[in-house]
Amino acid sequence: MVLLRTDLLMKSAAEAGHALVSQIAETAGVSESTMRRLVKGETTPSTTTLIALRRMYGVSLDDLVCESEPETA
């Protein structure tokens, strides 16, 4: 599963004056609830969302995402 690197996202957003999840969501063009799920790692970001975040915060796509290990039973 691909997840947002929230540590890097939040740092870059704060440097741009966007300290609130609602501000980041508006920048990415998604709802605040979607952004909260992304930040919590509950959902995978869309390509469109990743590109919007990359453009706004100047972070590469490679740096914005990480792969989580698959859960084992």
N, C-alpha and C. Protein backbone atom coordinates (compact mmCIF):
# COMPACT_ATOMS: atom_id res chain seq x y z
N MET A 1 0.84 -1.18 0.00
CA MET A 1 0.00 0.00 0.00
C MET A 1 0.89 1.24 0.00
N VAL A 2 0.54 2.21 -0.80
CA VAL A 2 1.28 3.46 -0.87
C VAL A 2 0.64 4.46 0.09
N LEU A 3 1.48 5.09 0.92
CA LEU A 3 1.00 6.05 1.90
C LEU A 3 1.72 7.38 1.75
N LEU A 4 1.08 8.44 2.22
CA LEU A 4 1.71 9.76 2.26
C LEU A 4 2.77 9.79 3.34
N ARG A 5 3.88 10.45 3.07
CA ARG A 5 4.87 10.72 4.11
C ARG A 5 4.41 11.99 4.82
N THR A 6 3.61 11.80 5.83
CA THR A 6 2.98 12.95 6.49
C THR A 6 3.99 13.84 7.19
N ASP A 7 5.09 13.28 7.67
CA ASP A 7 6.10 14.10 8.32
C ASP A 7 6.63 15.16 7.36
N LEU A 8 6.98 14.75 6.17
CA LEU A 8 7.50 15.67 5.16
C LEU A 8 6.41 16.62 4.65
N LEU A 9 5.22 16.08 4.44
CA LEU A 9 4.11 16.91 3.96
C LEU A 9 3.80 18.02 4.97
N MET A 10 3.66 17.66 6.22
CA MET A 10 3.30 18.66 7.24
C MET A 10 4.39 19.71 7.39
N LYS A 11 5.65 19.30 7.31
CA LYS A 11 6.75 20.25 7.41
C LYS A 11 6.73 21.22 6.22
N SER A 12 6.59 20.69 5.02
CA SER A 12 6.56 21.53 3.82
C SER A 12 5.34 22.45 3.81
N ALA A 13 4.21 21.93 4.25
CA ALA A 13 2.99 22.74 4.31
C ALA A 13 3.14 23.87 5.32
N ALA A 14 3.71 23.56 6.47
CA ALA A 14 3.91 24.59 7.49
C ALA A 14 4.84 25.69 6.99
N GLU A 15 5.87 25.31 6.25
CA GLU A 15 6.80 26.30 5.70
C GLU A 15 6.10 27.21 4.69
N ALA A 16 5.04 26.69 4.05
CA ALA A 16 4.26 27.48 3.09
C ALA A 16 3.12 28.24 3.77
N GLY A 17 3.03 28.14 5.09
CA GLY A 17 1.98 28.84 5.83
C GLY A 17 0.68 28.07 5.94
N HIS A 18 0.74 26.77 5.66
CA HIS A 18 -0.45 25.92 5.74
C HIS A 18 -0.27 24.91 6.87
N ALA A 19 -0.54 25.32 8.08
CA ALA A 19 -0.34 24.47 9.24
C ALA A 19 -1.54 23.57 9.53
N LEU A 20 -2.68 23.87 8.94
CA LEU A 20 -3.90 23.12 9.22
C LEU A 20 -4.19 22.10 8.12
N VAL A 21 -4.73 20.97 8.51
CA VAL A 21 -5.12 19.94 7.54
C VAL A 21 -6.13 20.51 6.54
N SER A 22 -7.02 21.37 7.00
CA SER A 22 -8.01 21.96 6.10
C SER A 22 -7.35 22.80 5.01
N GLN A 23 -6.27 23.49 5.33
CA GLN A 23 -5.55 24.28 4.34
C GLN A 23 -4.85 23.38 3.32
N ILE A 24 -4.28 22.29 3.79
CA ILE A 24 -3.62 21.34 2.89
C ILE A 24 -4.66 20.70 1.98
N ALA A 25 -5.81 20.35 2.54
CA ALA A 25 -6.88 19.74 1.75
C ALA A 25 -7.34 20.68 0.64
N GLU A 26 -7.52 21.94 0.97
CA GLU A 26 -7.94 22.92 -0.03
C GLU A 26 -6.91 23.02 -1.15
N THR A 27 -5.64 23.03 -0.78
CA THR A 27 -4.56 23.09 -1.76
C THR A 27 -4.58 21.89 -2.69
N ALA A 28 -4.85 20.72 -2.12
CA ALA A 28 -4.85 19.47 -2.90
C ALA A 28 -6.14 19.25 -3.66
N GLY A 29 -7.17 20.04 -3.35
CA GLY A 29 -8.45 19.89 -4.03
C GLY A 29 -9.24 18.69 -3.55
N VAL A 30 -9.06 18.33 -2.28
CA VAL A 30 -9.82 17.22 -1.70
C VAL A 30 -10.54 17.70 -0.45
N SER A 31 -11.47 16.90 0.00
CA SER A 31 -12.20 17.28 1.22
C SER A 31 -11.28 17.15 2.43
N GLU A 32 -11.63 17.86 3.47
CA GLU A 32 -10.86 17.78 4.71
C GLU A 32 -10.88 16.37 5.27
N SER A 33 -12.02 15.69 5.16
CA SER A 33 -12.10 14.31 5.69
C SER A 33 -11.18 13.37 4.92
N THR A 34 -11.08 13.56 3.61
CA THR A 34 -10.16 12.74 2.81
C THR A 34 -8.72 13.01 3.23
N MET A 35 -8.38 14.27 3.40
CA MET A 35 -7.01 14.59 3.80
C MET A 35 -6.70 14.03 5.17
N ARG A 36 -7.66 14.07 6.08
CA ARG A 36 -7.43 13.48 7.41
C ARG A 36 -7.17 11.97 7.32
N ARG A 37 -7.92 11.30 6.44
CA ARG A 37 -7.69 9.85 6.25
C ARG A 37 -6.32 9.59 5.62
N LEU A 38 -5.91 10.45 4.71
CA LEU A 38 -4.58 10.32 4.11
C LEU A 38 -3.49 10.52 5.16
N VAL A 39 -3.64 11.53 5.99
CA VAL A 39 -2.65 11.81 7.03
C VAL A 39 -2.57 10.67 8.04
N LYS A 40 -3.70 10.04 8.33
CA LYS A 40 -3.73 8.92 9.28
C LYS A 40 -3.27 7.61 8.65
N GLY A 41 -3.08 7.60 7.32
CA GLY A 41 -2.67 6.38 6.64
C GLY A 41 -3.80 5.40 6.41
N GLU A 42 -5.03 5.91 6.41
CA GLU A 42 -6.20 5.05 6.25
C GLU A 42 -6.60 4.84 4.79
N THR A 43 -6.01 5.63 3.89
CA THR A 43 -6.34 5.52 2.47
C THR A 43 -5.11 5.88 1.64
N THR A 44 -5.15 5.49 0.39
CA THR A 44 -4.05 5.74 -0.52
C THR A 44 -4.31 7.03 -1.31
N PRO A 45 -3.30 7.88 -1.45
CA PRO A 45 -3.51 9.13 -2.19
C PRO A 45 -3.64 8.88 -3.70
N SER A 46 -4.49 9.65 -4.33
CA SER A 46 -4.64 9.55 -5.79
C SER A 46 -3.46 10.26 -6.46
N THR A 47 -3.25 9.94 -7.70
CA THR A 47 -2.20 10.60 -8.47
C THR A 47 -2.47 12.10 -8.55
N THR A 48 -3.71 12.47 -8.75
CA THR A 48 -4.09 13.88 -8.84
C THR A 48 -3.76 14.62 -7.55
N THR A 49 -4.05 14.01 -6.42
CA THR A 49 -3.74 14.63 -5.12
C THR A 49 -2.24 14.78 -4.94
N LEU A 50 -1.49 13.74 -5.28
CA LEU A 50 -0.04 13.80 -5.14
C LEU A 50 0.57 14.90 -6.01
N ILE A 51 0.08 15.03 -7.23
CA ILE A 51 0.60 16.06 -8.13
C ILE A 51 0.27 17.46 -7.59
N ALA A 52 -0.93 17.64 -7.06
CA ALA A 52 -1.30 18.94 -6.49
C ALA A 52 -0.40 19.28 -5.30
N LEU A 53 -0.13 18.31 -4.45
CA LEU A 53 0.74 18.55 -3.30
C LEU A 53 2.17 18.84 -3.74
N ARG A 54 2.63 18.11 -4.75
CA ARG A 54 3.98 18.34 -5.27
C ARG A 54 4.12 19.75 -5.81
N ARG A 55 3.14 20.17 -6.56
CA ARG A 55 3.19 21.52 -7.15
C ARG A 55 3.17 22.61 -6.07
N MET A 56 2.31 22.45 -5.09
CA MET A 56 2.16 23.49 -4.08
C MET A 56 3.34 23.57 -3.12
N TYR A 57 3.85 22.41 -2.73
CA TYR A 57 4.86 22.40 -1.68
C TYR A 57 6.27 22.08 -2.17
N GLY A 58 6.44 21.86 -3.47
CA GLY A 58 7.77 21.66 -4.03
C GLY A 58 8.47 20.41 -3.55
N VAL A 59 7.71 19.38 -3.28
CA VAL A 59 8.26 18.11 -2.81
C VAL A 59 8.12 17.08 -3.93
N SER A 60 9.15 16.31 -4.17
CA SER A 60 9.08 15.33 -5.25
C SER A 60 8.08 14.23 -4.91
N LEU A 61 7.55 13.61 -5.95
CA LEU A 61 6.61 12.51 -5.73
C LEU A 61 7.27 11.37 -4.97
N ASP A 62 8.53 11.09 -5.28
CA ASP A 62 9.25 10.02 -4.57
C ASP A 62 9.33 10.31 -3.07
N ASP A 63 9.50 11.57 -2.72
CA ASP A 63 9.59 11.93 -1.31
C ASP A 63 8.23 11.97 -0.62
N LEU A 64 7.17 12.19 -1.38
CA LEU A 64 5.83 12.31 -0.79
C LEU A 64 5.21 10.98 -0.39
N VAL A 65 5.69 9.89 -0.96
CA VAL A 65 5.06 8.59 -0.69
C VAL A 65 6.06 7.59 -0.14
N CYS A 66 5.50 6.60 0.54
CA CYS A 66 6.28 5.46 1.00
C CYS A 66 5.39 4.23 0.89
N GLU A 67 6.02 3.09 0.85
CA GLU A 67 5.25 1.85 0.81
C GLU A 67 5.18 1.27 2.21
N SER A 68 3.99 0.86 2.60
CA SER A 68 3.86 0.19 3.88
C SER A 68 4.05 -1.30 3.65
N GLU A 69 4.49 -1.96 4.66
CA GLU A 69 4.63 -3.41 4.57
C GLU A 69 3.27 -4.06 4.62
N PRO A 70 3.05 -5.09 3.80
CA PRO A 70 1.75 -5.77 3.87
C PRO A 70 1.57 -6.44 5.23
N GLU A 71 0.35 -6.36 5.73
CA GLU A 71 0.06 -6.99 7.01
C GLU A 71 0.01 -8.50 6.82
N THR A 72 0.59 -9.21 7.76
CA THR A 72 0.56 -10.66 7.71
C THR A 72 -0.40 -11.20 8.74
N ALA A 73 -1.00 -12.31 8.42
CA ALA A 73 -2.00 -12.90 9.33
C ALA A 73 -1.36 -13.77 10.36
